[in-house]
mmCIF file of all heavy atoms, coordinates in Angstrom:
data_MODEL
# 
_entry.id   MODEL 
# 
loop_
_atom_site.group_PDB 
_atom_site.id 
_atom_site.type_symbol 
_atom_site.label_atom_id 
_atom_site.label_alt_id 
_atom_site.label_comp_id 
_atom_site.label_asym_id 
_atom_site.label_entity_id 
_atom_site.label_seq_id 
_atom_site.pdbx_PDB_ins_code 
_atom_site.Cartn_x 
_atom_site.Cartn_y 
_atom_site.Cartn_z 
_atom_site.occupancy 
_atom_site.B_iso_or_equiv 
_atom_site.pdbx_formal_charge 
_atom_site.auth_seq_id 
_atom_site.auth_comp_id 
_atom_site.auth_asym_id 
_atom_site.auth_atom_id 
_atom_site.pdbx_PDB_model_num 
ATOM 1   N N   . ILE A 1 1  ? -7.826  -94.974 -190.059 1.00 0.00 ? 1  ILE A N   1 
ATOM 2   C CA  . ILE A 1 1  ? -7.375  -93.716 -189.446 1.00 0.00 ? 1  ILE A CA  1 
ATOM 3   C C   . ILE A 1 1  ? -8.390  -93.244 -188.399 1.00 0.00 ? 1  ILE A C   1 
ATOM 4   O O   . ILE A 1 1  ? -8.018  -92.865 -187.283 1.00 0.00 ? 1  ILE A O   1 
ATOM 5   C CB  . ILE A 1 1  ? -7.171  -92.628 -190.526 1.00 0.00 ? 1  ILE A CB  1 
ATOM 6   C CG1 . ILE A 1 1  ? -6.076  -93.042 -191.499 1.00 0.00 ? 1  ILE A CG1 1 
ATOM 7   C CG2 . ILE A 1 1  ? -6.864  -91.283 -189.894 1.00 0.00 ? 1  ILE A CG2 1 
ATOM 8   C CD1 . ILE A 1 1  ? -4.711  -93.201 -190.893 1.00 0.00 ? 1  ILE A CD1 1 
ATOM 9   N N   . VAL A 1 2  ? -9.671  -93.270 -188.740 1.00 0.00 ? 2  VAL A N   1 
ATOM 10  C CA  . VAL A 1 2  ? -10.714 -92.828 -187.797 1.00 0.00 ? 2  VAL A CA  1 
ATOM 11  C C   . VAL A 1 2  ? -10.746 -93.737 -186.578 1.00 0.00 ? 2  VAL A C   1 
ATOM 12  O O   . VAL A 1 2  ? -10.861 -93.261 -185.440 1.00 0.00 ? 2  VAL A O   1 
ATOM 13  C CB  . VAL A 1 2  ? -12.090 -92.779 -188.500 1.00 0.00 ? 2  VAL A CB  1 
ATOM 14  C CG1 . VAL A 1 2  ? -13.212 -92.591 -187.498 1.00 0.00 ? 2  VAL A CG1 1 
ATOM 15  C CG2 . VAL A 1 2  ? -12.105 -91.672 -189.526 1.00 0.00 ? 2  VAL A CG2 1 
ATOM 16  N N   . ALA A 1 3  ? -10.647 -95.043 -186.772 1.00 0.00 ? 3  ALA A N   1 
ATOM 17  C CA  . ALA A 1 3  ? -10.661 -95.974 -185.641 1.00 0.00 ? 3  ALA A CA  1 
ATOM 18  C C   . ALA A 1 3  ? -9.462  -95.754 -184.732 1.00 0.00 ? 3  ALA A C   1 
ATOM 19  O O   . ALA A 1 3  ? -9.587  -95.796 -183.502 1.00 0.00 ? 3  ALA A O   1 
ATOM 20  C CB  . ALA A 1 3  ? -10.676 -97.414 -186.153 1.00 0.00 ? 3  ALA A CB  1 
ATOM 21  N N   . ARG A 1 4  ? -8.305  -95.486 -185.321 1.00 0.00 ? 4  ARG A N   1 
ATOM 22  C CA  . ARG A 1 4  ? -7.111  -95.244 -184.510 1.00 0.00 ? 4  ARG A CA  1 
ATOM 23  C C   . ARG A 1 4  ? -7.254  -93.960 -183.703 1.00 0.00 ? 4  ARG A C   1 
ATOM 24  O O   . ARG A 1 4  ? -6.894  -93.904 -182.530 1.00 0.00 ? 4  ARG A O   1 
ATOM 25  C CB  . ARG A 1 4  ? -5.884  -95.180 -185.419 1.00 0.00 ? 4  ARG A CB  1 
ATOM 26  C CG  . ARG A 1 4  ? -4.596  -95.123 -184.638 1.00 0.00 ? 4  ARG A CG  1 
ATOM 27  C CD  . ARG A 1 4  ? -3.397  -95.199 -185.519 1.00 0.00 ? 4  ARG A CD  1 
ATOM 28  N NE  . ARG A 1 4  ? -3.488  -94.139 -186.528 1.00 0.00 ? 4  ARG A NE  1 
ATOM 29  C CZ  . ARG A 1 4  ? -2.686  -94.062 -187.583 1.00 0.00 ? 4  ARG A CZ  1 
ATOM 30  N NH1 . ARG A 1 4  ? -1.775  -94.975 -187.785 1.00 0.00 ? 4  ARG A NH1 1 
ATOM 31  N NH2 . ARG A 1 4  ? -2.813  -93.080 -188.449 1.00 0.00 ? 4  ARG A NH2 1 
ATOM 32  N N   . GLU A 1 5  ? -7.802  -92.912 -184.316 1.00 0.00 ? 5  GLU A N   1 
ATOM 33  C CA  . GLU A 1 5  ? -8.013  -91.652 -183.599 1.00 0.00 ? 5  GLU A CA  1 
ATOM 34  C C   . GLU A 1 5  ? -9.056  -91.823 -182.493 1.00 0.00 ? 5  GLU A C   1 
ATOM 35  O O   . GLU A 1 5  ? -8.922  -91.264 -181.410 1.00 0.00 ? 5  GLU A O   1 
ATOM 36  C CB  . GLU A 1 5  ? -8.465  -90.559 -184.572 1.00 0.00 ? 5  GLU A CB  1 
ATOM 37  C CG  . GLU A 1 5  ? -7.412  -90.139 -185.561 1.00 0.00 ? 5  GLU A CG  1 
ATOM 38  C CD  . GLU A 1 5  ? -6.293  -89.350 -184.921 1.00 0.00 ? 5  GLU A CD  1 
ATOM 39  O OE1 . GLU A 1 5  ? -6.554  -88.617 -183.956 1.00 0.00 ? 5  GLU A OE1 1 
ATOM 40  O OE2 . GLU A 1 5  ? -5.155  -89.487 -185.394 1.00 0.00 ? 5  GLU A OE2 1 
ATOM 41  N N   . ALA A 1 6  ? -10.098 -92.601 -182.767 1.00 0.00 ? 6  ALA A N   1 
ATOM 42  C CA  . ALA A 1 6  ? -11.159 -92.803 -181.775 1.00 0.00 ? 6  ALA A CA  1 
ATOM 43  C C   . ALA A 1 6  ? -10.652 -93.607 -180.587 1.00 0.00 ? 6  ALA A C   1 
ATOM 44  O O   . ALA A 1 6  ? -11.079 -93.379 -179.446 1.00 0.00 ? 6  ALA A O   1 
ATOM 45  C CB  . ALA A 1 6  ? -12.347 -93.517 -182.416 1.00 0.00 ? 6  ALA A CB  1 
ATOM 46  N N   . ALA A 1 7  ? -9.736  -94.527 -180.827 1.00 0.00 ? 7  ALA A N   1 
ATOM 47  C CA  . ALA A 1 7  ? -9.205  -95.343 -179.733 1.00 0.00 ? 7  ALA A CA  1 
ATOM 48  C C   . ALA A 1 7  ? -8.410  -94.498 -178.746 1.00 0.00 ? 7  ALA A C   1 
ATOM 49  O O   . ALA A 1 7  ? -8.369  -94.803 -177.555 1.00 0.00 ? 7  ALA A O   1 
ATOM 50  C CB  . ALA A 1 7  ? -8.331  -96.464 -180.296 1.00 0.00 ? 7  ALA A CB  1 
ATOM 51  N N   . GLY A 1 8  ? -7.817  -93.413 -179.227 1.00 0.00 ? 8  GLY A N   1 
ATOM 52  C CA  . GLY A 1 8  ? -7.021  -92.561 -178.352 1.00 0.00 ? 8  GLY A CA  1 
ATOM 53  C C   . GLY A 1 8  ? -7.812  -91.429 -177.704 1.00 0.00 ? 8  GLY A C   1 
ATOM 54  O O   . GLY A 1 8  ? -7.256  -90.658 -176.931 1.00 0.00 ? 8  GLY A O   1 
ATOM 55  N N   . ALA A 1 9  ? -9.092  -91.316 -178.015 1.00 0.00 ? 9  ALA A N   1 
ATOM 56  C CA  . ALA A 1 9  ? -9.912  -90.220 -177.484 1.00 0.00 ? 9  ALA A CA  1 
ATOM 57  C C   . ALA A 1 9  ? -10.295 -90.478 -176.034 1.00 0.00 ? 9  ALA A C   1 
ATOM 58  O O   . ALA A 1 9  ? -10.410 -91.623 -175.586 1.00 0.00 ? 9  ALA A O   1 
ATOM 59  C CB  . ALA A 1 9  ? -11.170 -90.056 -178.336 1.00 0.00 ? 9  ALA A CB  1 
ATOM 60  N N   . ASP A 1 10 ? -10.511 -89.407 -175.303 1.00 0.00 ? 10 ASP A N   1 
ATOM 61  C CA  . ASP A 1 10 ? -11.010 -89.488 -173.927 1.00 0.00 ? 10 ASP A CA  1 
ATOM 62  C C   . ASP A 1 10 ? -12.539 -89.502 -173.992 1.00 0.00 ? 10 ASP A C   1 
ATOM 63  O O   . ASP A 1 10 ? -13.184 -88.464 -174.071 1.00 0.00 ? 10 ASP A O   1 
ATOM 64  C CB  . ASP A 1 10 ? -10.514 -88.299 -173.116 1.00 0.00 ? 10 ASP A CB  1 
ATOM 65  C CG  . ASP A 1 10 ? -10.962 -88.358 -171.672 1.00 0.00 ? 10 ASP A CG  1 
ATOM 66  O OD1 . ASP A 1 10 ? -11.454 -89.423 -171.247 1.00 0.00 ? 10 ASP A OD1 1 
ATOM 67  O OD2 . ASP A 1 10 ? -10.827 -87.344 -170.969 1.00 0.00 ? 10 ASP A OD2 1 
ATOM 68  N N   . TRP A 1 11 ? -13.112 -90.708 -173.992 1.00 0.00 ? 11 TRP A N   1 
ATOM 69  C CA  . TRP A 1 11 ? -14.548 -90.860 -174.199 1.00 0.00 ? 11 TRP A CA  1 
ATOM 70  C C   . TRP A 1 11 ? -15.379 -90.261 -173.079 1.00 0.00 ? 11 TRP A C   1 
ATOM 71  O O   . TRP A 1 11 ? -16.462 -89.738 -173.320 1.00 0.00 ? 11 TRP A O   1 
ATOM 72  C CB  . TRP A 1 11 ? -14.892 -92.337 -174.380 1.00 0.00 ? 11 TRP A CB  1 
ATOM 73  C CG  . TRP A 1 11 ? -14.428 -92.834 -175.700 1.00 0.00 ? 11 TRP A CG  1 
ATOM 74  C CD1 . TRP A 1 11 ? -13.280 -93.509 -175.967 1.00 0.00 ? 11 TRP A CD1 1 
ATOM 75  C CD2 . TRP A 1 11 ? -15.074 -92.641 -176.948 1.00 0.00 ? 11 TRP A CD2 1 
ATOM 76  N NE1 . TRP A 1 11 ? -13.174 -93.764 -177.311 1.00 0.00 ? 11 TRP A NE1 1 
ATOM 77  C CE2 . TRP A 1 11 ? -14.264 -93.239 -177.944 1.00 0.00 ? 11 TRP A CE2 1 
ATOM 78  C CE3 . TRP A 1 11 ? -16.259 -92.019 -177.331 1.00 0.00 ? 11 TRP A CE3 1 
ATOM 79  C CZ2 . TRP A 1 11 ? -14.617 -93.221 -179.284 1.00 0.00 ? 11 TRP A CZ2 1 
ATOM 80  C CZ3 . TRP A 1 11 ? -16.599 -92.022 -178.675 1.00 0.00 ? 11 TRP A CZ3 1 
ATOM 81  C CH2 . TRP A 1 11 ? -15.785 -92.611 -179.621 1.00 0.00 ? 11 TRP A CH2 1 
ATOM 82  N N   . ARG A 1 12 ? -14.888 -90.320 -171.853 1.00 0.00 ? 12 ARG A N   1 
ATOM 83  C CA  . ARG A 1 12 ? -15.667 -89.752 -170.740 1.00 0.00 ? 12 ARG A CA  1 
ATOM 84  C C   . ARG A 1 12 ? -15.840 -88.246 -170.901 1.00 0.00 ? 12 ARG A C   1 
ATOM 85  O O   . ARG A 1 12 ? -16.906 -87.707 -170.626 1.00 0.00 ? 12 ARG A O   1 
ATOM 86  C CB  . ARG A 1 12 ? -15.000 -90.087 -169.418 1.00 0.00 ? 12 ARG A CB  1 
ATOM 87  C CG  . ARG A 1 12 ? -15.209 -91.553 -169.042 1.00 0.00 ? 12 ARG A CG  1 
ATOM 88  C CD  . ARG A 1 12 ? -14.421 -91.885 -167.832 1.00 0.00 ? 12 ARG A CD  1 
ATOM 89  N NE  . ARG A 1 12 ? -13.037 -92.049 -168.338 1.00 0.00 ? 12 ARG A NE  1 
ATOM 90  C CZ  . ARG A 1 12 ? -12.012 -92.406 -167.629 1.00 0.00 ? 12 ARG A CZ  1 
ATOM 91  N NH1 . ARG A 1 12 ? -12.148 -92.606 -166.345 1.00 0.00 ? 12 ARG A NH1 1 
ATOM 92  N NH2 . ARG A 1 12 ? -10.830 -92.561 -168.149 1.00 0.00 ? 12 ARG A NH2 1 
ATOM 93  N N   . ALA A 1 13 ? -14.801 -87.567 -171.353 1.00 0.00 ? 13 ALA A N   1 
ATOM 94  C CA  . ALA A 1 13 ? -14.899 -86.121 -171.577 1.00 0.00 ? 13 ALA A CA  1 
ATOM 95  C C   . ALA A 1 13 ? -15.855 -85.817 -172.725 1.00 0.00 ? 13 ALA A C   1 
ATOM 96  O O   . ALA A 1 13 ? -16.607 -84.836 -172.668 1.00 0.00 ? 13 ALA A O   1 
ATOM 97  C CB  . ALA A 1 13 ? -13.521 -85.539 -171.857 1.00 0.00 ? 13 ALA A CB  1 
ATOM 98  N N   . LEU A 1 14 ? -15.832 -86.646 -173.763 1.00 0.00 ? 14 LEU A N   1 
ATOM 99  C CA  . LEU A 1 14 ? -16.733 -86.410 -174.897 1.00 0.00 ? 14 LEU A CA  1 
ATOM 100 C C   . LEU A 1 14 ? -18.193 -86.624 -174.518 1.00 0.00 ? 14 LEU A C   1 
ATOM 101 O O   . LEU A 1 14 ? -19.072 -85.898 -174.977 1.00 0.00 ? 14 LEU A O   1 
ATOM 102 C CB  . LEU A 1 14 ? -16.358 -87.337 -176.056 1.00 0.00 ? 14 LEU A CB  1 
ATOM 103 C CG  . LEU A 1 14 ? -15.047 -87.033 -176.765 1.00 0.00 ? 14 LEU A CG  1 
ATOM 104 C CD1 . LEU A 1 14 ? -14.740 -88.114 -177.786 1.00 0.00 ? 14 LEU A CD1 1 
ATOM 105 C CD2 . LEU A 1 14 ? -15.096 -85.677 -177.426 1.00 0.00 ? 14 LEU A CD2 1 
ATOM 106 N N   . ILE A 1 15 ? -18.450 -87.632 -173.681 1.00 0.00 ? 15 ILE A N   1 
ATOM 107 C CA  . ILE A 1 15 ? -19.832 -87.926 -173.285 1.00 0.00 ? 15 ILE A CA  1 
ATOM 108 C C   . ILE A 1 15 ? -20.419 -86.801 -172.447 1.00 0.00 ? 15 ILE A C   1 
ATOM 109 O O   . ILE A 1 15 ? -21.604 -86.488 -172.538 1.00 0.00 ? 15 ILE A O   1 
ATOM 110 C CB  . ILE A 1 15 ? -19.884 -89.276 -172.534 1.00 0.00 ? 15 ILE A CB  1 
ATOM 111 C CG1 . ILE A 1 15 ? -19.626 -90.408 -173.522 1.00 0.00 ? 15 ILE A CG1 1 
ATOM 112 C CG2 . ILE A 1 15 ? -21.216 -89.477 -171.835 1.00 0.00 ? 15 ILE A CG2 1 
ATOM 113 C CD1 . ILE A 1 15 ? -19.449 -91.760 -172.883 1.00 0.00 ? 15 ILE A CD1 1 
ATOM 114 N N   . ARG A 1 16 ? -19.584 -86.145 -171.667 1.00 0.00 ? 16 ARG A N   1 
ATOM 115 C CA  . ARG A 1 16 ? -20.060 -85.056 -170.798 1.00 0.00 ? 16 ARG A CA  1 
ATOM 116 C C   . ARG A 1 16 ? -20.251 -83.740 -171.535 1.00 0.00 ? 16 ARG A C   1 
ATOM 117 O O   . ARG A 1 16 ? -20.850 -82.819 -170.996 1.00 0.00 ? 16 ARG A O   1 
ATOM 118 C CB  . ARG A 1 16 ? -19.058 -84.841 -169.656 1.00 0.00 ? 16 ARG A CB  1 
ATOM 119 C CG  . ARG A 1 16 ? -19.135 -85.924 -168.619 1.00 0.00 ? 16 ARG A CG  1 
ATOM 120 C CD  . ARG A 1 16 ? -18.259 -85.576 -167.435 1.00 0.00 ? 16 ARG A CD  1 
ATOM 121 N NE  . ARG A 1 16 ? -17.413 -86.739 -167.181 1.00 0.00 ? 16 ARG A NE  1 
ATOM 122 C CZ  . ARG A 1 16 ? -16.096 -86.740 -167.158 1.00 0.00 ? 16 ARG A CZ  1 
ATOM 123 N NH1 . ARG A 1 16 ? -15.437 -85.633 -167.330 1.00 0.00 ? 16 ARG A NH1 1 
ATOM 124 N NH2 . ARG A 1 16 ? -15.435 -87.847 -166.940 1.00 0.00 ? 16 ARG A NH2 1 
ATOM 125 N N   . GLU A 1 17 ? -19.785 -83.646 -172.753 1.00 0.00 ? 17 GLU A N   1 
ATOM 126 C CA  . GLU A 1 17 ? -19.813 -82.382 -173.499 1.00 0.00 ? 17 GLU A CA  1 
ATOM 127 C C   . GLU A 1 17 ? -21.142 -82.215 -174.244 1.00 0.00 ? 17 GLU A C   1 
ATOM 128 O O   . GLU A 1 17 ? -21.464 -82.995 -175.138 1.00 0.00 ? 17 GLU A O   1 
ATOM 129 C CB  . GLU A 1 17 ? -18.653 -82.368 -174.491 1.00 0.00 ? 17 GLU A CB  1 
ATOM 130 C CG  . GLU A 1 17 ? -18.399 -81.051 -175.135 1.00 0.00 ? 17 GLU A CG  1 
ATOM 131 C CD  . GLU A 1 17 ? -17.903 -80.014 -174.153 1.00 0.00 ? 17 GLU A CD  1 
ATOM 132 O OE1 . GLU A 1 17 ? -17.131 -80.357 -173.247 1.00 0.00 ? 17 GLU A OE1 1 
ATOM 133 O OE2 . GLU A 1 17 ? -18.317 -78.853 -174.295 1.00 0.00 ? 17 GLU A OE2 1 
ATOM 134 N N   . PRO A 1 18 ? -21.934 -81.182 -173.905 1.00 0.00 ? 18 PRO A N   1 
ATOM 135 C CA  . PRO A 1 18 ? -23.229 -80.990 -174.575 1.00 0.00 ? 18 PRO A CA  1 
ATOM 136 C C   . PRO A 1 18 ? -23.094 -80.736 -176.082 1.00 0.00 ? 18 PRO A C   1 
ATOM 137 O O   . PRO A 1 18 ? -23.957 -81.143 -176.858 1.00 0.00 ? 18 PRO A O   1 
ATOM 138 C CB  . PRO A 1 18 ? -23.825 -79.764 -173.884 1.00 0.00 ? 18 PRO A CB  1 
ATOM 139 C CG  . PRO A 1 18 ? -23.082 -79.618 -172.613 1.00 0.00 ? 18 PRO A CG  1 
ATOM 140 C CD  . PRO A 1 18 ? -21.738 -80.220 -172.814 1.00 0.00 ? 18 PRO A CD  1 
ATOM 141 N N   . SER A 1 19 ? -22.045 -80.079 -176.493 1.00 0.00 ? 19 SER A N   1 
ATOM 142 C CA  . SER A 1 19 ? -21.891 -79.804 -177.923 1.00 0.00 ? 19 SER A CA  1 
ATOM 143 C C   . SER A 1 19 ? -21.687 -81.093 -178.727 1.00 0.00 ? 19 SER A C   1 
ATOM 144 O O   . SER A 1 19 ? -22.080 -81.169 -179.893 1.00 0.00 ? 19 SER A O   1 
ATOM 145 C CB  . SER A 1 19 ? -20.725 -78.841 -178.167 1.00 0.00 ? 19 SER A CB  1 
ATOM 146 O OG  . SER A 1 19 ? -19.509 -79.425 -177.756 1.00 0.00 ? 19 SER A OG  1 
ATOM 147 N N   . GLU A 1 20 ? -21.092 -82.100 -178.100 1.00 0.00 ? 20 GLU A N   1 
ATOM 148 C CA  . GLU A 1 20 ? -20.917 -83.391 -178.787 1.00 0.00 ? 20 GLU A CA  1 
ATOM 149 C C   . GLU A 1 20 ? -22.260 -84.072 -179.000 1.00 0.00 ? 20 GLU A C   1 
ATOM 150 O O   . GLU A 1 20 ? -22.507 -84.659 -180.054 1.00 0.00 ? 20 GLU A O   1 
ATOM 151 C CB  . GLU A 1 20 ? -19.990 -84.307 -177.989 1.00 0.00 ? 20 GLU A CB  1 
ATOM 152 C CG  . GLU A 1 20 ? -18.599 -83.771 -177.799 1.00 0.00 ? 20 GLU A CG  1 
ATOM 153 C CD  . GLU A 1 20 ? -17.816 -83.675 -179.091 1.00 0.00 ? 20 GLU A CD  1 
ATOM 154 O OE1 . GLU A 1 20 ? -18.098 -84.424 -180.035 1.00 0.00 ? 20 GLU A OE1 1 
ATOM 155 O OE2 . GLU A 1 20 ? -16.899 -82.840 -179.142 1.00 0.00 ? 20 GLU A OE2 1 
ATOM 156 N N   . TRP A 1 21 ? -23.138 -84.005 -178.012 1.00 0.00 ? 21 TRP A N   1 
ATOM 157 C CA  . TRP A 1 21 ? -24.474 -84.590 -178.146 1.00 0.00 ? 21 TRP A CA  1 
ATOM 158 C C   . TRP A 1 21 ? -25.272 -83.848 -179.212 1.00 0.00 ? 21 TRP A C   1 
ATOM 159 O O   . TRP A 1 21 ? -26.019 -84.451 -179.977 1.00 0.00 ? 21 TRP A O   1 
ATOM 160 C CB  . TRP A 1 21 ? -25.213 -84.563 -176.811 1.00 0.00 ? 21 TRP A CB  1 
ATOM 161 C CG  . TRP A 1 21 ? -24.664 -85.567 -175.856 1.00 0.00 ? 21 TRP A CG  1 
ATOM 162 C CD1 . TRP A 1 21 ? -23.859 -85.313 -174.779 1.00 0.00 ? 21 TRP A CD1 1 
ATOM 163 C CD2 . TRP A 1 21 ? -24.846 -86.974 -175.893 1.00 0.00 ? 21 TRP A CD2 1 
ATOM 164 N NE1 . TRP A 1 21 ? -23.536 -86.487 -174.157 1.00 0.00 ? 21 TRP A NE1 1 
ATOM 165 C CE2 . TRP A 1 21 ? -24.130 -87.528 -174.818 1.00 0.00 ? 21 TRP A CE2 1 
ATOM 166 C CE3 . TRP A 1 21 ? -25.540 -87.833 -176.743 1.00 0.00 ? 21 TRP A CE3 1 
ATOM 167 C CZ2 . TRP A 1 21 ? -24.095 -88.886 -174.562 1.00 0.00 ? 21 TRP A CZ2 1 
ATOM 168 C CZ3 . TRP A 1 21 ? -25.510 -89.189 -176.488 1.00 0.00 ? 21 TRP A CZ3 1 
ATOM 169 C CH2 . TRP A 1 21 ? -24.795 -89.699 -175.409 1.00 0.00 ? 21 TRP A CH2 1 
ATOM 170 N N   . ARG A 1 22 ? -25.115 -82.522 -179.257 1.00 0.00 ? 22 ARG A N   1 
ATOM 171 C CA  . ARG A 1 22 ? -25.810 -81.720 -180.263 1.00 0.00 ? 22 ARG A CA  1 
ATOM 172 C C   . ARG A 1 22 ? -25.315 -82.088 -181.667 1.00 0.00 ? 22 ARG A C   1 
ATOM 173 O O   . ARG A 1 22 ? -26.111 -82.221 -182.600 1.00 0.00 ? 22 ARG A O   1 
ATOM 174 C CB  . ARG A 1 22 ? -25.590 -80.236 -179.967 1.00 0.00 ? 22 ARG A CB  1 
ATOM 175 C CG  . ARG A 1 22 ? -26.604 -79.336 -180.587 1.00 0.00 ? 22 ARG A CG  1 
ATOM 176 C CD  . ARG A 1 22 ? -26.567 -77.886 -180.074 1.00 0.00 ? 22 ARG A CD  1 
ATOM 177 N NE  . ARG A 1 22 ? -25.284 -77.410 -179.598 1.00 0.00 ? 22 ARG A NE  1 
ATOM 178 C CZ  . ARG A 1 22 ? -24.947 -77.257 -178.311 1.00 0.00 ? 22 ARG A CZ  1 
ATOM 179 N NH1 . ARG A 1 22 ? -25.818 -77.550 -177.365 1.00 0.00 ? 22 ARG A NH1 1 
ATOM 180 N NH2 . ARG A 1 22 ? -23.760 -76.794 -177.956 1.00 0.00 ? 22 ARG A NH2 1 
ATOM 181 N N   . ALA A 1 23 ? -24.011 -82.275 -181.811 1.00 0.00 ? 23 ALA A N   1 
ATOM 182 C CA  . ALA A 1 23 ? -23.453 -82.664 -183.102 1.00 0.00 ? 23 ALA A CA  1 
ATOM 183 C C   . ALA A 1 23 ? -23.949 -84.051 -183.508 1.00 0.00 ? 23 ALA A C   1 
ATOM 184 O O   . ALA A 1 23 ? -24.266 -84.288 -184.685 1.00 0.00 ? 23 ALA A O   1 
ATOM 185 C CB  . ALA A 1 23 ? -21.928 -82.640 -183.047 1.00 0.00 ? 23 ALA A CB  1 
ATOM 186 N N   . LEU A 1 24 ? -24.020 -84.969 -182.556 1.00 0.00 ? 24 LEU A N   1 
ATOM 187 C CA  . LEU A 1 24 ? -24.534 -86.311 -182.844 1.00 0.00 ? 24 LEU A CA  1 
ATOM 188 C C   . LEU A 1 24 ? -25.989 -86.246 -183.283 1.00 0.00 ? 24 LEU A C   1 
ATOM 189 O O   . LEU A 1 24 ? -26.375 -86.874 -184.276 1.00 0.00 ? 24 LEU A O   1 
ATOM 190 C CB  . LEU A 1 24 ? -24.387 -87.210 -181.616 1.00 0.00 ? 24 LEU A CB  1 
ATOM 191 C CG  . LEU A 1 24 ? -24.966 -88.612 -181.743 1.00 0.00 ? 24 LEU A CG  1 
ATOM 192 C CD1 . LEU A 1 24 ? -24.246 -89.398 -182.835 1.00 0.00 ? 24 LEU A CD1 1 
ATOM 193 C CD2 . LEU A 1 24 ? -24.884 -89.340 -180.409 1.00 0.00 ? 24 LEU A CD2 1 
ATOM 194 N N   . TRP A 1 25 ? -26.806 -85.494 -182.563 1.00 0.00 ? 25 TRP A N   1 
ATOM 195 C CA  . TRP A 1 25 ? -28.215 -85.362 -182.919 1.00 0.00 ? 25 TRP A CA  1 
ATOM 196 C C   . TRP A 1 25 ? -28.361 -84.753 -184.305 1.00 0.00 ? 25 TRP A C   1 
ATOM 197 O O   . TRP A 1 25 ? -29.157 -85.226 -185.125 1.00 0.00 ? 25 TRP A O   1 
ATOM 198 C CB  . TRP A 1 25 ? -28.960 -84.527 -181.884 1.00 0.00 ? 25 TRP A CB  1 
ATOM 199 C CG  . TRP A 1 25 ? -30.329 -84.158 -182.349 1.00 0.00 ? 25 TRP A CG  1 
ATOM 200 C CD1 . TRP A 1 25 ? -30.764 -82.930 -182.695 1.00 0.00 ? 25 TRP A CD1 1 
ATOM 201 C CD2 . TRP A 1 25 ? -31.438 -85.038 -182.549 1.00 0.00 ? 25 TRP A CD2 1 
ATOM 202 N NE1 . TRP A 1 25 ? -32.066 -82.992 -183.104 1.00 0.00 ? 25 TRP A NE1 1 
ATOM 203 C CE2 . TRP A 1 25 ? -32.505 -84.272 -183.019 1.00 0.00 ? 25 TRP A CE2 1 
ATOM 204 C CE3 . TRP A 1 25 ? -31.616 -86.409 -182.380 1.00 0.00 ? 25 TRP A CE3 1 
ATOM 205 C CZ2 . TRP A 1 25 ? -33.747 -84.818 -183.321 1.00 0.00 ? 25 TRP A CZ2 1 
ATOM 206 C CZ3 . TRP A 1 25 ? -32.860 -86.958 -182.684 1.00 0.00 ? 25 TRP A CZ3 1 
ATOM 207 C CH2 . TRP A 1 25 ? -33.907 -86.165 -183.148 1.00 0.00 ? 25 TRP A CH2 1 
ATOM 208 N N   . ASN A 1 26 ? -27.598 -83.695 -184.603 1.00 0.00 ? 26 ASN A N   1 
ATOM 209 C CA  . ASN A 1 26 ? -27.681 -83.067 -185.922 1.00 0.00 ? 26 ASN A CA  1 
ATOM 210 C C   . ASN A 1 26 ? -27.277 -84.041 -187.028 1.00 0.00 ? 26 ASN A C   1 
ATOM 211 O O   . ASN A 1 26 ? -27.893 -84.064 -188.095 1.00 0.00 ? 26 ASN A O   1 
ATOM 212 C CB  . ASN A 1 26 ? -26.801 -81.817 -185.975 1.00 0.00 ? 26 ASN A CB  1 
ATOM 213 C CG  . ASN A 1 26 ? -27.372 -80.680 -185.165 1.00 0.00 ? 26 ASN A CG  1 
ATOM 214 O OD1 . ASN A 1 26 ? -28.557 -80.651 -184.861 1.00 0.00 ? 26 ASN A OD1 1 
ATOM 215 N ND2 . ASN A 1 26 ? -26.525 -79.744 -184.789 1.00 0.00 ? 26 ASN A ND2 1 
# 
């Protein structure tokens, strides 16, 4: 389920989002 959801995500938008980097670091 997670892999299927990740395949449909817009990765470029996620990479540009500072909150995503903060969540990854945490």
